[in-house]
Amino acid sequence: MIIGYVSDAHIGYATDIWSPGPAPLPEKLTPPLAALVAGVKKAGITPVKFAGGHGSVGDYAPLAALEGK
């Protein structure tokens, strides 16, 4: 998995793991979404928004908040 990150804008990017925006988040993290959250932590980045490879953008905080549920 590759996570793109524009530090000045605090925007992360991943494709085919999460398409933020159109569909609601699951009640708990799926394995791919858990890997994305873990990758963000491991990289030490602080995204505010995440862009998906299919054209949508969404807030990252609600996804990260699912960790541990």
PDB file of N, CA and C in Angstrom:
ATOM      1  N   MET A   1       0.849  -1.167   0.000  1.00  0.00           N
ATOM      2  CA  MET A   1       0.000   0.000   0.000  1.00  0.00           C
ATOM      3  C   MET A   1       0.896   1.232   0.000  1.00  0.00           C
ATOM      4  N   ILE A   2       0.518   2.192  -0.804  1.00  0.00           N
ATOM      5  CA  ILE A   2       1.202   3.485  -0.830  1.00  0.00           C
ATOM      6  C   ILE A   2       0.199   4.537  -0.383  1.00  0.00           C
ATOM      7  N   ILE A   3       0.611   5.358   0.569  1.00  0.00           N
ATOM      8  CA  ILE A   3      -0.208   6.478   1.018  1.00  0.00           C
ATOM      9  C   ILE A   3       0.490   7.754   0.581  1.00  0.00           C
ATOM     10  N   GLY A   4      -0.177   8.498  -0.277  1.00  0.00           N
ATOM     11  CA  GLY A   4       0.351   9.804  -0.653  1.00  0.00           C
ATOM     12  C   GLY A   4      -0.028  10.820   0.416  1.00  0.00           C
ATOM     13  N   TYR A   5       0.780  11.858   0.575  1.00  0.00           N
ATOM     14  CA  TYR A   5       0.483  12.866   1.590  1.00  0.00           C
ATOM     15  C   TYR A   5       1.038  14.218   1.170  1.00  0.00           C
ATOM     16  N   VAL A   6       0.176  15.219   1.153  1.00  0.00           N
ATOM     17  CA  VAL A   6       0.587  16.599   0.883  1.00  0.00           C
ATOM     18  C   VAL A   6       0.594  17.299   2.234  1.00  0.00           C
ATOM     19  N   SER A   7       1.787  17.468   2.783  1.00  0.00           N
ATOM     20  CA  SER A   7       1.902  17.951   4.165  1.00  0.00           C
ATOM     21  C   SER A   7       1.373  19.369   4.355  1.00  0.00           C
ATOM     22  N   ASP A   8       1.613  20.261   3.408  1.00  0.00           N
ATOM     23  CA  ASP A   8       1.130  21.642   3.552  1.00  0.00           C
ATOM     24  C   ASP A   8      -0.388  21.713   3.636  1.00  0.00           C
ATOM     25  N   ALA A   9      -1.061  20.827   2.925  1.00  0.00           N
ATOM     26  CA  ALA A   9      -2.526  20.826   2.885  1.00  0.00           C
ATOM     27  C   ALA A   9      -3.135  19.806   3.836  1.00  0.00           C
ATOM     28  N   HIS A  10      -2.307  18.956   4.435  1.00  0.00           N
ATOM     29  CA  HIS A  10      -2.770  17.882   5.342  1.00  0.00           C
ATOM     30  C   HIS A  10      -3.792  16.972   4.643  1.00  0.00           C
ATOM     31  N   ILE A  11      -3.472  16.608   3.402  1.00  0.00           N
ATOM     32  CA  ILE A  11      -4.343  15.724   2.623  1.00  0.00           C
ATOM     33  C   ILE A  11      -3.606  14.426   2.324  1.00  0.00           C
ATOM     34  N   GLY A  12      -4.232  13.315   2.710  1.00  0.00           N
ATOM     35  CA  GLY A  12      -3.711  11.994   2.386  1.00  0.00           C
ATOM     36  C   GLY A  12      -4.383  11.483   1.127  1.00  0.00           C
ATOM     37  N   TYR A  13      -3.776  10.478   0.516  1.00  0.00           N
ATOM     38  CA  TYR A  13      -4.325   9.899  -0.708  1.00  0.00           C
ATOM     39  C   TYR A  13      -4.072   8.400  -0.713  1.00  0.00           C
ATOM     40  N   ALA A  14      -5.100   7.664  -1.006  1.00  0.00           N
ATOM     41  CA  ALA A  14      -4.978   6.219  -1.218  1.00  0.00           C
ATOM     42  C   ALA A  14      -6.044   5.820  -2.231  1.00  0.00           C
ATOM     43  N   THR A  15      -5.772   4.781  -2.964  1.00  0.00           N
ATOM     44  CA  THR A  15      -6.756   4.339  -3.949  1.00  0.00           C
ATOM     45  C   THR A  15      -7.124   2.886  -3.699  1.00  0.00           C
ATOM     46  N   ASP A  16      -8.376   2.573  -3.915  1.00  0.00           N
ATOM     47  CA  ASP A  16      -8.936   1.229  -3.794  1.00  0.00           C
ATOM     48  C   ASP A  16      -8.920   0.662  -2.370  1.00  0.00           C
ATOM     49  N   ILE A  17      -8.560   1.460  -1.389  1.00  0.00           N
ATOM     50  CA  ILE A  17      -8.630   1.032   0.005  1.00  0.00           C
ATOM     51  C   ILE A  17      -9.819   1.718   0.662  1.00  0.00           C
ATOM     52  N   TRP A  18      -9.948   3.009   0.384  1.00  0.00           N
ATOM     53  CA  TRP A  18     -11.049   3.786   0.942  1.00  0.00           C
ATOM     54  C   TRP A  18     -11.481   4.800  -0.095  1.00  0.00           C
ATOM     55  N   SER A  19     -12.767   4.860  -0.365  1.00  0.00           N
ATOM     56  CA  SER A  19     -13.347   5.896  -1.208  1.00  0.00           C
ATOM     57  C   SER A  19     -14.203   6.772  -0.302  1.00  0.00           C
ATOM     58  N   PRO A  20     -13.592   7.780   0.315  1.00  0.00           N
ATOM     59  CA  PRO A  20     -14.329   8.596   1.277  1.00  0.00           C
ATOM     60  C   PRO A  20     -15.469   9.359   0.618  1.00  0.00           C
ATOM     61  N   GLY A  21     -16.471   9.630   1.393  1.00  0.00           N
ATOM     62  CA  GLY A  21     -17.548  10.477   0.915  1.00  0.00           C
ATOM     63  C   GLY A  21     -18.842   9.797   0.571  1.00  0.00           C
ATOM     64  N   PRO A  22     -18.920   9.094  -0.566  1.00  0.00           N
ATOM     65  CA  PRO A  22     -20.225   8.636  -1.036  1.00  0.00           C
ATOM     66  C   PRO A  22     -20.929   7.626  -0.128  1.00  0.00           C
ATOM     67  N   ALA A  23     -20.219   6.689   0.415  1.00  0.00           N
ATOM     68  CA  ALA A  23     -20.845   5.666   1.263  1.00  0.00           C
ATOM     69  C   ALA A  23     -20.501   5.940   2.723  1.00  0.00           C
ATOM     70  N   PRO A  24     -21.406   5.629   3.632  1.00  0.00           N
ATOM     71  CA  PRO A  24     -21.082   5.832   5.045  1.00  0.00           C
ATOM     72  C   PRO A  24     -19.973   4.881   5.494  1.00  0.00           C
ATOM     73  N   LEU A  25     -19.274   5.273   6.529  1.00  0.00           N
ATOM     74  CA  LEU A  25     -18.243   4.397   7.096  1.00  0.00           C
ATOM     75  C   LEU A  25     -18.894   3.177   7.733  1.00  0.00           C
ATOM     76  N   PRO A  26     -18.185   2.066   7.783  1.00  0.00           N
ATOM     77  CA  PRO A  26     -18.726   0.893   8.477  1.00  0.00           C
ATOM     78  C   PRO A  26     -18.763   1.157   9.987  1.00  0.00           C
ATOM     79  N   GLU A  27     -19.432   0.296  10.720  1.00  0.00           N
ATOM     80  CA  GLU A  27     -19.502   0.459  12.177  1.00  0.00           C
ATOM     81  C   GLU A  27     -18.154   0.210  12.840  1.00  0.00           C
ATOM     82  N   LYS A  28     -17.346  -0.679  12.249  1.00  0.00           N
ATOM     83  CA  LYS A  28     -15.990  -0.901  12.740  1.00  0.00           C
ATOM     84  C   LYS A  28     -15.070  -1.069  11.544  1.00  0.00           C
ATOM     85  N   LEU A  29     -13.781  -0.928  11.792  1.00  0.00           N
ATOM     86  CA  LEU A  29     -12.809  -0.971  10.707  1.00  0.00           C
ATOM     87  C   LEU A  29     -12.770  -2.339  10.029  1.00  0.00           C
ATOM     88  N   THR A  30     -12.735  -2.318   8.722  1.00  0.00           N
ATOM     89  CA  THR A  30     -12.480  -3.522   7.938  1.00  0.00           C
ATOM     90  C   THR A  30     -10.959  -3.701   7.883  1.00  0.00           C
ATOM     91  N   PRO A  31     -10.467  -4.880   7.521  1.00  0.00           N
ATOM     92  CA  PRO A  31      -9.003  -5.052   7.442  1.00  0.00           C
ATOM     93  C   PRO A  31      -8.296  -4.013   6.553  1.00  0.00           C
ATOM     94  N   PRO A  32      -8.827  -3.685   5.356  1.00  0.00           N
ATOM     95  CA  PRO A  32      -8.132  -2.666   4.560  1.00  0.00           C
ATOM     96  C   PRO A  32      -8.129  -1.284   5.235  1.00  0.00           C
ATOM     97  N   LEU A  33      -9.252  -0.904   5.851  1.00  0.00           N
ATOM     98  CA  LEU A  33      -9.300   0.396   6.515  1.00  0.00           C
ATOM     99  C   LEU A  33      -8.409   0.414   7.748  1.00  0.00           C
ATOM    100  N   ALA A  34      -8.324  -0.699   8.459  1.00  0.00           N
ATOM    101  CA  ALA A  34      -7.423  -0.798   9.609  1.00  0.00           C
ATOM    102  C   ALA A  34      -5.965  -0.646   9.155  1.00  0.00           C
ATOM    103  N   ALA A  35      -5.639  -1.234   8.004  1.00  0.00           N
ATOM    104  CA  ALA A  35      -4.285  -1.107   7.467  1.00  0.00           C
ATOM    105  C   ALA A  35      -3.986   0.346   7.099  1.00  0.00           C
ATOM    106  N   LEU A  36      -4.975   1.056   6.577  1.00  0.00           N
ATOM    107  CA  LEU A  36      -4.787   2.460   6.230  1.00  0.00           C
ATOM    108  C   LEU A  36      -4.531   3.294   7.487  1.00  0.00           C
ATOM    109  N   VAL A  37      -5.343   3.104   8.516  1.00  0.00           N
ATOM    110  CA  VAL A  37      -5.162   3.838   9.775  1.00  0.00           C
ATOM    111  C   VAL A  37      -3.791   3.516  10.380  1.00  0.00           C
ATOM    112  N   ALA A  38      -3.410   2.251  10.367  1.00  0.00           N
ATOM    113  CA  ALA A  38      -2.104   1.850  10.892  1.00  0.00           C
ATOM    114  C   ALA A  38      -0.969   2.468  10.078  1.00  0.00           C
ATOM    115  N   GLY A  39      -1.145   2.530   8.763  1.00  0.00           N
ATOM    116  CA  GLY A  39      -0.124   3.128   7.900  1.00  0.00           C
ATOM    117  C   GLY A  39       0.049   4.613   8.154  1.00  0.00           C
ATOM    118  N   VAL A  40      -1.051   5.297   8.405  1.00  0.00           N
ATOM    119  CA  VAL A  40      -0.982   6.729   8.730  1.00  0.00           C
ATOM    120  C   VAL A  40      -0.196   6.919  10.028  1.00  0.00           C
ATOM    121  N   LYS A  41      -0.502   6.093  11.027  1.00  0.00           N
ATOM    122  CA  LYS A  41       0.220   6.189  12.306  1.00  0.00           C
ATOM    123  C   LYS A  41       1.704   5.884  12.125  1.00  0.00           C
ATOM    124  N   LYS A  42       1.989   4.807  11.404  1.00  0.00           N
ATOM    125  CA  LYS A  42       3.382   4.392  11.211  1.00  0.00           C
ATOM    126  C   LYS A  42       4.189   5.472  10.493  1.00  0.00           C
ATOM    127  N   ALA A  43       3.554   6.130   9.529  1.00  0.00           N
ATOM    128  CA  ALA A  43       4.239   7.173   8.769  1.00  0.00           C
ATOM    129  C   ALA A  43       4.357   8.478   9.556  1.00  0.00           C
ATOM    130  N   GLY A  44       3.569   8.603  10.621  1.00  0.00           N
ATOM    131  CA  GLY A  44       3.624   9.822  11.421  1.00  0.00           C
ATOM    132  C   GLY A  44       3.045  11.039  10.720  1.00  0.00           C
ATOM    133  N   ILE A  45       2.100  10.795   9.840  1.00  0.00           N
ATOM    134  CA  ILE A  45       1.479  11.910   9.118  1.00  0.00           C
ATOM    135  C   ILE A  45       0.181  12.315   9.818  1.00  0.00           C
ATOM    136  N   THR A  46      -0.297  13.510   9.510  1.00  0.00           N
ATOM    137  CA  THR A  46      -1.486  14.042  10.180  1.00  0.00           C
ATOM    138  C   THR A  46      -2.507  14.552   9.171  1.00  0.00           C
ATOM    139  N   PRO A  47      -3.113  13.638   8.416  1.00  0.00           N
ATOM    140  CA  PRO A  47      -4.091  14.096   7.432  1.00  0.00           C
ATOM    141  C   PRO A  47      -5.367  14.617   8.100  1.00  0.00           C
ATOM    142  N   VAL A  48      -5.898  15.681   7.560  1.00  0.00           N
ATOM    143  CA  VAL A  48      -7.202  16.192   7.974  1.00  0.00           C
ATOM    144  C   VAL A  48      -8.253  15.635   7.019  1.00  0.00           C
ATOM    145  N   LYS A  49      -7.889  15.569   5.765  1.00  0.00           N
ATOM    146  CA  LYS A  49      -8.761  15.024   4.715  1.00  0.00           C
ATOM    147  C   LYS A  49      -8.021  13.896   4.006  1.00  0.00           C
ATOM    148  N   PHE A  50      -8.816  13.034   3.381  1.00  0.00           N
ATOM    149  CA  PHE A  50      -8.262  11.973   2.556  1.00  0.00           C
ATOM    150  C   PHE A  50      -8.953  12.009   1.208  1.00  0.00           C
ATOM    151  N   ALA A  51      -8.168  11.915   0.151  1.00  0.00           N
ATOM    152  CA  ALA A  51      -8.703  11.829  -1.199  1.00  0.00           C
ATOM    153  C   ALA A  51      -8.605  10.389  -1.654  1.00  0.00           C
ATOM    154  N   GLY A  52      -9.670   9.907  -2.255  1.00  0.00           N
ATOM    155  CA  GLY A  52      -9.676   8.562  -2.809  1.00  0.00           C
ATOM    156  C   GLY A  52      -9.331   8.600  -4.286  1.00  0.00           C
ATOM    157  N   GLY A  53      -8.878   7.498  -4.791  1.00  0.00           N
ATOM    158  CA  GLY A  53      -8.488   7.423  -6.192  1.00  0.00           C
ATOM    159  C   GLY A  53      -9.635   7.522  -7.166  1.00  0.00           C
ATOM    160  N   HIS A  54     -10.857   7.506  -6.680  1.00  0.00           N
ATOM    161  CA  HIS A  54     -12.018   7.564  -7.559  1.00  0.00           C
ATOM    162  C   HIS A  54     -12.737   8.904  -7.476  1.00  0.00           C
ATOM    163  N   GLY A  55     -12.025   9.931  -6.992  1.00  0.00           N
ATOM    164  CA  GLY A  55     -12.527  11.286  -7.089  1.00  0.00           C
ATOM    165  C   GLY A  55     -13.240  11.869  -5.885  1.00  0.00           C
ATOM    166  N   SER A  56     -13.327  11.145  -4.790  1.00  0.00           N
ATOM    167  CA  SER A  56     -14.031  11.699  -3.634  1.00  0.00           C
ATOM    168  C   SER A  56     -13.040  12.085  -2.537  1.00  0.00           C
ATOM    169  N   VAL A  57     -13.477  13.003  -1.673  1.00  0.00           N
ATOM    170  CA  VAL A  57     -12.653  13.490  -0.570  1.00  0.00           C
ATOM    171  C   VAL A  57     -13.501  13.463   0.690  1.00  0.00           C
ATOM    172  N   GLY A  58     -12.893  13.100   1.812  1.00  0.00           N
ATOM    173  CA  GLY A  58     -13.627  13.085   3.074  1.00  0.00           C
ATOM    174  C   GLY A  58     -12.715  13.353   4.251  1.00  0.00           C
ATOM    175  N   ASP A  59     -13.313  13.654   5.378  1.00  0.00           N
ATOM    176  CA  ASP A  59     -12.563  13.887   6.611  1.00  0.00           C
ATOM    177  C   ASP A  59     -11.956  12.578   7.099  1.00  0.00           C
ATOM    178  N   TYR A  60     -10.718  12.648   7.576  1.00  0.00           N
ATOM    179  CA  TYR A  60     -10.032  11.461   8.071  1.00  0.00           C
ATOM    180  C   TYR A  60     -10.417  11.116   9.516  1.00  0.00           C
ATOM    181  N   ALA A  61     -10.701  12.114  10.337  1.00  0.00           N
ATOM    182  CA  ALA A  61     -10.961  11.889  11.773  1.00  0.00           C
ATOM    183  C   ALA A  61     -12.048  10.838  12.044  1.00  0.00           C
ATOM    184  N   PRO A  62     -13.173  10.851  11.327  1.00  0.00           N
ATOM    185  CA  PRO A  62     -14.181   9.811  11.614  1.00  0.00           C
ATOM    186  C   PRO A  62     -13.679   8.395  11.340  1.00  0.00           C
ATOM    187  N   LEU A  63     -12.824   8.237  10.331  1.00  0.00           N
ATOM    188  CA  LEU A  63     -12.271   6.920  10.056  1.00  0.00           C
ATOM    189  C   LEU A  63     -11.316   6.514  11.185  1.00  0.00           C
ATOM    190  N   ALA A  64     -10.429   7.415  11.574  1.00  0.00           N
ATOM    191  CA  ALA A  64      -9.471   7.113  12.634  1.00  0.00           C
ATOM    192  C   ALA A  64     -10.181   6.824  13.958  1.00  0.00           C
ATOM    193  N   ALA A  65     -11.326   7.448  14.179  1.00  0.00           N
ATOM    194  CA  ALA A  65     -12.066   7.248  15.421  1.00  0.00           C
ATOM    195  C   ALA A  65     -12.637   5.842  15.544  1.00  0.00           C
ATOM    196  N   LEU A  66     -12.728   5.122  14.441  1.00  0.00           N
ATOM    197  CA  LEU A  66     -13.248   3.749  14.466  1.00  0.00           C
ATOM    198  C   LEU A  66     -12.235   2.761  15.043  1.00  0.00           C
ATOM    199  N   GLU A  67     -10.992   3.162  15.151  1.00  0.00           N
ATOM    200  CA  GLU A  67      -9.968   2.277  15.678  1.00  0.00           C
ATOM    201  C   GLU A  67     -10.329   1.879  17.118  1.00  0.00           C
ATOM    202  N   GLY A  68     -10.257   0.620  17.391  1.00  0.00           N
ATOM    203  CA  GLY A  68     -10.558   0.132  18.722  1.00  0.00           C
ATOM    204  C   GLY A  68     -12.031  -0.197  18.963  1.00  0.00           C
ATOM    205  N   LYS A  69     -12.871   0.030  17.966  1.00  0.00           N
ATOM    206  CA  LYS A  69     -14.290  -0.311  18.121  1.00  0.00           C
ATOM    207  C   LYS A  69     -14.534  -1.717  17.676  1.00  0.00           C
TER     208      LYS A  69
END
